[in-house]
Amino acid sequence: MTTIRFDFAAYAELLQVFLHGRLVTLSQENGGGEVGENF
């Protein structure tokens, strides 16, 4: 059970990082440059 929870947490974190990257890309495409890469 703990491994499933850990995998789910890691997947959720990875998904958040992916969505954050997408938002940064869309922001740069729209001309907004105040958002920097945070990794």
Protein backbone atom coordinates (compact mmCIF):
# COMPACT_ATOMS: atom_id res chain seq x y z
CA MET A 1 0.00 0.00 0.00
CA THR A 2 2.79 2.42 0.86
CA THR A 3 4.45 1.87 -2.50
CA ILE A 4 1.19 2.69 -4.30
CA ARG A 5 0.81 5.88 -2.27
CA PHE A 6 4.43 6.81 -2.94
CA ASP A 7 4.04 6.19 -6.67
CA PHE A 8 0.85 8.26 -6.71
CA ALA A 9 2.58 11.11 -4.85
CA ALA A 10 5.54 10.99 -7.22
CA TYR A 11 3.19 10.93 -10.21
CA ALA A 12 1.23 13.90 -8.85
CA GLU A 13 4.46 15.84 -8.28
CA LEU A 14 5.67 14.98 -11.77
CA LEU A 15 2.32 16.08 -13.19
CA GLN A 16 2.54 19.40 -11.33
CA VAL A 17 6.05 19.99 -12.71
CA PHE A 18 4.82 19.15 -16.21
CA LEU A 19 1.83 21.49 -15.94
CA HIS A 20 4.08 24.23 -14.51
CA GLY A 21 6.39 23.82 -17.48
CA ARG A 22 3.42 24.06 -19.83
CA LEU A 23 2.23 27.25 -18.12
CA VAL A 24 5.72 28.75 -18.41
CA THR A 25 5.84 27.83 -22.11
CA LEU A 26 2.39 29.30 -22.77
CA SER A 27 3.30 32.43 -20.82
CA GLN A 28 6.47 32.90 -22.88
CA GLU A 29 4.50 32.34 -26.10
CA ASN A 30 2.00 34.99 -25.01
CA GLY A 31 4.80 37.47 -24.37
CA GLY A 32 4.89 37.32 -20.57
CA GLY A 33 8.48 36.99 -19.37
CA GLU A 34 8.15 37.53 -15.63
CA VAL A 35 7.70 33.80 -15.01
CA GLY A 36 11.06 32.04 -14.63
CA GLU A 37 11.96 28.38 -14.61
CA ASN A 38 11.79 26.90 -11.12
CA PHE A 39 13.21 23.39 -10.96
